Amino acid sequence: MEKQIVLLTGASAGIGKATAELLIKEGVIVYGASRSGGEAYKNEQSGGEFIPVKMDVNNEADLKSTVEKIISDHGCLSAVIANAGFGIAGSVEDTNIEEAKSQFETNFFGVMKTVHACLPIFRAQGYGKIITVSSLAGIIPIPFQTLYSSVKAAVIMFMYGLSMEVKPFGIQCSTILPGDTKTDFTKNRKYTSASDNEKSVYYKTMKRSVAKMEKDEQNGMLSYAVAKPIVKQVLNKRVKKIYVTGIFNQIFYHLFNALPNNFRLFVIGKLYA
């Protein structure tokens, strides 16, 4: 089998870092992109390599030059994993339009820009895999993290539509839906400026709700448990359109979709009340 070459965004920490480490053990050459860069290393036993790339997914010039470098170095690109992102918390009323735009800029348009940079290469090759990391929150809305849920839902729909458009070119699409995961994502969560103020009528409820979510995250799956199915999508011949990580999350996902809408929203509201 030919050496796999993968572009991975958000590679410096959490799920991205774990994914890079597992891919390298499998002999994959990973161009790990992040705003901080990192250090290169190689697994002598497998032949896998980590090649750090200092890149911002919001910068199309960065993306273009990164993809050009990969093609210059190897002549091909096997897959792209769009993992970069962050979360904001706060009520909808306490979220201004600029804060909402910042959430979509990185978590949605960053994904779209990454895909745009890779698609011409995949089409020319006649193959390629596009893997995005969305969230179970894109299916199951979380109060006071409504913008985060919204952007993750947008990524899921984006990938569904994209998969139909690019199928004739031999390109496969897969979206990974992690549930609660223990990473630095929790401490890096941002509060909207108006919400993190005791004068907000939502303040106490919002703080209580987010605290429950953060407790679940810190007791959640490890990054490597989420990284394993991502690696499978890279290595397997065929990908799954949607992959929910963890047995409990899979059960929750199917139950949520089967229950009446009013009842399921009532249950979620109670969980984070």
Protein backbone atom coordinates (compact mmCIF):
# COMPACT_ATOMS: atom_id res chain seq x y z
CA MET A 1 0.00 0.00 0.00
CA GLU A 2 1.22 3.50 -0.85
CA LYS A 3 2.26 5.79 1.97
CA GLN A 4 -0.70 7.81 3.27
CA ILE A 5 -0.27 11.59 3.40
CA VAL A 6 -2.69 13.47 5.65
CA LEU A 7 -3.33 17.14 6.44
CA LEU A 8 -4.66 17.53 9.99
CA THR A 9 -5.84 20.87 11.40
CA GLY A 10 -5.95 21.59 15.13
CA ALA A 11 -3.06 19.16 15.59
CA SER A 12 -1.35 20.73 18.59
CA ALA A 13 -3.62 19.46 21.38
CA GLY A 14 -6.54 17.27 22.39
CA ILE A 15 -8.22 15.12 19.76
CA GLY A 16 -5.95 16.46 17.01
CA LYS A 17 -2.74 15.60 18.84
CA ALA A 18 -4.00 12.11 19.74
CA THR A 19 -5.06 11.52 16.13
CA ALA A 20 -1.64 12.55 14.85
CA GLU A 21 0.15 10.19 17.25
CA LEU A 22 -2.03 7.21 16.29
CA LEU A 23 -1.71 7.90 12.56
CA ILE A 24 2.09 8.09 12.83
CA LYS A 25 2.16 4.71 14.58
CA GLU A 26 0.36 3.37 11.50
CA GLY A 27 3.05 4.74 9.20
CA VAL A 28 1.13 7.79 8.01
CA ILE A 29 2.89 11.06 7.19
CA VAL A 30 0.93 13.78 9.01
CA TYR A 31 1.18 17.48 8.22
CA GLY A 32 -0.04 18.78 11.56
CA ALA A 33 -1.40 22.29 11.24
CA SER A 34 -1.97 24.69 14.12
CA ARG A 35 -1.36 28.34 14.93
CA SER A 36 1.53 27.35 17.21
CA GLY A 37 3.29 24.91 14.87
CA GLY A 38 5.24 22.34 16.90
CA GLU A 39 8.20 20.03 16.55
CA ALA A 40 8.79 17.44 13.84
CA TYR A 41 9.32 13.81 14.78
CA LYS A 42 9.42 10.41 13.11
CA ASN A 43 8.49 6.90 14.15
CA GLU A 44 11.43 4.88 12.89
CA GLN A 45 9.59 1.59 13.27
CA SER A 46 6.49 2.50 11.25
CA GLY A 47 7.98 5.19 9.02
CA GLY A 48 5.28 7.62 10.06
CA GLU A 49 6.19 11.28 10.44
CA PHE A 50 4.80 14.42 12.04
CA ILE A 51 5.56 17.52 10.01
CA PRO A 52 4.42 20.65 11.86
CA VAL A 53 2.83 23.46 9.90
CA LYS A 54 2.13 26.89 11.35
CA MET A 55 -1.23 27.68 9.82
CA ASP A 56 -4.52 29.42 10.57
CA VAL A 57 -7.61 27.82 9.01
CA ASN A 58 -9.11 31.30 8.66
CA ASN A 59 -6.26 32.30 6.35
CA GLU A 60 -6.78 31.03 2.79
CA ALA A 61 -3.22 31.93 1.79
CA ASP A 62 -1.89 29.74 4.64
CA LEU A 63 -4.04 26.84 3.49
CA LYS A 64 -3.04 27.23 -0.16
CA SER A 65 0.69 27.30 0.61
CA THR A 66 0.38 24.30 2.96
CA VAL A 67 -1.37 22.16 0.36
CA GLU A 68 1.12 23.27 -2.29
CA LYS A 69 3.99 22.21 -0.02
CA ILE A 70 2.43 18.77 0.55
CA ILE A 71 2.04 18.23 -3.19
CA SER A 72 5.57 19.48 -3.81
CA ASP A 73 6.94 17.09 -1.18
CA HIS A 74 4.89 13.99 -2.02
CA GLY A 75 2.88 14.54 -5.19
CA CYS A 76 -0.40 13.55 -3.53
CA LEU A 77 -2.71 14.04 -0.56
CA SER A 78 -4.64 11.06 0.82
CA ALA A 79 -6.95 12.77 3.30
CA VAL A 80 -7.69 15.97 5.16
CA ILE A 81 -8.97 16.01 8.73
CA ALA A 82 -10.65 19.31 9.64
CA ASN A 83 -10.45 19.33 13.42
CA ALA A 84 -9.59 22.93 14.40
CA GLY A 85 -12.18 24.77 16.45
CA PHE A 86 -13.23 26.32 19.74
CA GLY A 87 -16.40 26.83 21.77
CA ILE A 88 -18.29 29.82 23.13
CA ALA A 89 -20.85 29.84 25.93
CA GLY A 90 -23.64 32.25 26.77
CA SER A 91 -27.33 32.77 26.13
CA VAL A 92 -28.44 33.70 22.63
CA GLU A 93 -29.62 37.10 23.90
CA ASP A 94 -26.21 37.72 25.48
CA THR A 95 -24.33 36.78 22.29
CA ASN A 96 -23.66 39.65 19.93
CA ILE A 97 -23.37 39.18 16.19
CA GLU A 98 -19.58 39.59 16.14
CA GLU A 99 -19.20 36.83 18.75
CA ALA A 100 -21.52 34.58 16.76
CA LYS A 101 -19.55 35.31 13.59
CA SER A 102 -16.27 34.40 15.31
CA GLN A 103 -17.72 31.00 16.24
CA PHE A 104 -18.78 30.34 12.66
CA GLU A 105 -15.61 31.84 11.17
CA THR A 106 -13.32 29.16 12.60
CA ASN A 107 -15.66 26.23 13.18
CA PHE A 108 -17.58 26.42 9.90
CA PHE A 109 -15.86 28.68 7.40
CA GLY A 110 -12.48 27.35 8.57
CA VAL A 111 -13.71 23.88 7.63
CA MET A 112 -15.02 25.15 4.30
CA LYS A 113 -11.74 26.93 3.48
CA THR A 114 -9.79 23.78 4.36
CA VAL A 115 -12.02 21.71 2.08
CA HIS A 116 -11.71 24.29 -0.72
CA ALA A 117 -7.91 24.08 -0.54
CA CYS A 118 -7.91 20.28 -0.89
CA LEU A 119 -10.75 19.56 -3.32
CA PRO A 120 -8.90 20.42 -6.57
CA ILE A 121 -6.11 18.01 -5.57
CA PHE A 122 -8.56 15.23 -4.72
CA ARG A 123 -10.46 15.71 -7.99
CA ALA A 124 -7.28 15.61 -10.05
CA GLN A 125 -6.16 12.44 -8.27
CA GLY A 126 -9.56 10.75 -8.52
CA TYR A 127 -9.55 9.96 -4.79
CA GLY A 128 -9.32 11.52 -1.35
CA LYS A 129 -11.03 11.59 2.02
CA ILE A 130 -12.54 14.59 3.77
CA ILE A 131 -13.00 13.98 7.49
CA THR A 132 -14.48 16.61 9.80
CA VAL A 133 -14.80 16.62 13.56
CA SER A 134 -18.27 17.89 14.45
CA SER A 135 -19.97 17.02 17.75
CA LEU A 136 -22.93 15.20 19.24
CA ALA A 137 -23.96 18.76 20.16
CA GLY A 138 -24.73 19.22 16.46
CA ILE A 139 -27.58 16.73 16.88
CA ILE A 140 -28.47 17.30 20.54
CA PRO A 141 -28.70 21.05 21.30
CA ILE A 142 -27.05 22.31 24.47
CA PRO A 143 -28.61 25.32 26.22
CA PHE A 144 -26.26 28.28 26.65
CA GLN A 145 -24.00 26.77 24.03
CA THR A 146 -26.55 27.23 21.29
CA LEU A 147 -24.12 28.87 18.87
CA TYR A 148 -21.67 25.99 19.29
CA SER A 149 -24.46 23.46 18.68
CA SER A 150 -25.60 25.47 15.66
CA VAL A 151 -22.18 25.57 14.01
CA LYS A 152 -21.64 21.85 14.58
CA ALA A 153 -25.05 21.11 13.04
CA ALA A 154 -24.05 23.26 10.07
CA VAL A 155 -20.88 21.17 9.61
CA ILE A 156 -22.96 17.96 9.56
CA MET A 157 -25.30 19.30 6.86
CA PHE A 158 -22.36 20.71 4.92
CA MET A 159 -20.72 17.28 4.87
CA TYR A 160 -23.91 15.47 3.88
CA GLY A 161 -24.37 17.76 0.88
CA LEU A 162 -20.69 17.73 -0.01
CA SER A 163 -20.58 13.92 0.01
CA MET A 164 -23.18 13.81 -2.79
CA GLU A 165 -21.43 16.47 -4.86
CA VAL A 166 -17.97 14.93 -4.80
CA LYS A 167 -18.86 11.22 -4.96
CA PRO A 168 -18.44 11.12 -8.79
CA PHE A 169 -14.79 12.15 -8.33
CA GLY A 170 -13.95 9.26 -6.00
CA ILE A 171 -13.92 11.51 -2.92
CA GLN A 172 -15.35 10.22 0.36
CA CYS A 173 -16.70 12.27 3.27
CA SER A 174 -16.98 11.36 6.93
CA THR A 175 -18.10 13.35 9.97
CA ILE A 176 -17.04 12.33 13.47
CA LEU A 177 -19.42 13.15 16.34
CA PRO A 178 -17.66 12.99 19.71
CA GLY A 179 -19.64 13.39 22.91
CA ASP A 180 -18.11 14.66 26.14
CA THR A 181 -14.31 14.43 25.83
CA LYS A 182 -11.63 15.23 28.37
CA THR A 183 -9.40 17.83 26.68
CA ASP A 184 -8.19 21.40 27.07
CA PHE A 185 -11.26 22.40 25.05
CA THR A 186 -13.02 22.82 28.42
CA LYS A 187 -10.63 25.38 29.88
CA ASN A 188 -10.36 27.17 26.53
CA ARG A 189 -14.12 27.71 26.26
CA LYS A 190 -14.95 31.40 25.88
CA TYR A 191 -17.89 33.23 27.43
CA THR A 192 -19.66 35.93 25.50
CA SER A 193 -18.96 39.32 27.06
CA ALA A 194 -22.55 40.08 28.12
CA SER A 195 -23.18 36.59 29.49
CA ASP A 196 -20.20 36.59 31.87
CA ASN A 197 -21.76 39.38 33.89
CA GLU A 198 -23.86 39.00 37.02
CA LYS A 199 -26.24 41.66 35.69
CA SER A 200 -27.40 39.24 32.98
CA VAL A 201 -30.80 37.69 33.75
CA TYR A 202 -29.36 34.39 32.46
CA TYR A 203 -26.14 34.52 34.51
CA LYS A 204 -26.92 32.01 37.29
CA THR A 205 -28.70 29.52 35.02
CA MET A 206 -25.99 29.79 32.39
CA LYS A 207 -23.16 29.27 34.87
CA ARG A 208 -24.92 26.25 36.37
CA SER A 209 -25.60 24.73 32.95
CA VAL A 210 -22.05 25.22 31.67
CA ALA A 211 -20.62 23.87 34.93
CA LYS A 212 -22.59 20.63 34.41
CA MET A 213 -21.28 20.38 30.86
CA GLU A 214 -17.69 20.97 31.97
CA LYS A 215 -18.00 18.30 34.66
CA ASP A 216 -19.28 15.85 32.03
CA GLU A 217 -16.40 16.78 29.72
CA GLN A 218 -13.76 16.22 32.39
CA ASN A 219 -15.32 12.83 33.15
CA GLY A 220 -15.75 12.04 29.47
CA MET A 221 -13.89 9.97 26.91
CA LEU A 222 -10.16 10.36 26.49
CA SER A 223 -8.84 12.00 23.32
CA TYR A 224 -7.42 8.70 22.10
CA ALA A 225 -10.85 7.04 22.25
CA VAL A 226 -12.13 9.68 19.82
CA ALA A 227 -8.95 9.57 17.71
CA LYS A 228 -9.20 5.82 17.05
CA PRO A 229 -12.32 5.99 14.80
CA ILE A 230 -10.83 8.99 12.98
CA VAL A 231 -7.75 6.90 12.20
CA LYS A 232 -10.01 4.06 11.02
CA GLN A 233 -11.69 6.40 8.54
CA VAL A 234 -8.26 7.27 7.12
CA LEU A 235 -7.03 3.68 6.88
CA ASN A 236 -10.21 1.85 5.87
CA LYS A 237 -11.14 1.54 2.21
CA ARG A 238 -14.62 2.94 2.81
CA VAL A 239 -15.60 5.59 5.37
CA LYS A 240 -18.77 5.99 7.43
CA LYS A 241 -20.74 9.15 6.61
CA ILE A 242 -21.45 9.68 10.33
CA TYR A 243 -19.51 8.12 13.19
CA VAL A 244 -20.68 8.73 16.77
CA THR A 245 -17.89 7.87 19.20
CA GLY A 246 -18.61 5.68 22.23
CA ILE A 247 -21.36 3.11 22.86
CA PHE A 248 -23.26 5.32 25.32
CA ASN A 249 -23.18 8.25 22.89
CA GLN A 250 -24.40 6.01 20.06
CA ILE A 251 -27.37 4.87 22.18
CA PHE A 252 -28.14 8.46 23.16
CA TYR A 253 -27.90 9.55 19.51
CA HIS A 254 -30.40 6.92 18.31
CA LEU A 255 -32.77 7.47 21.24
CA PHE A 256 -32.75 11.23 20.74
CA ASN A 257 -33.65 10.87 17.07
CA ALA A 258 -36.48 8.46 17.91
CA LEU A 259 -38.17 10.49 20.66
CA PRO A 260 -40.83 13.18 20.06
CA ASN A 261 -39.27 16.63 19.70
CA ASN A 262 -40.97 18.27 22.69
CA PHE A 263 -40.04 15.40 24.99
CA ARG A 264 -36.39 15.26 23.96
CA LEU A 265 -35.95 19.02 24.39
CA PHE A 266 -37.62 18.74 27.80
CA VAL A 267 -35.14 16.03 28.84
CA ILE A 268 -32.10 17.98 27.62
CA GLY A 269 -33.37 21.10 29.36
CA LYS A 270 -33.66 19.18 32.64
CA LEU A 271 -30.17 17.72 32.28
CA TYR A 272 -28.62 21.17 32.04
CA ALA A 273 -31.03 23.09 34.29
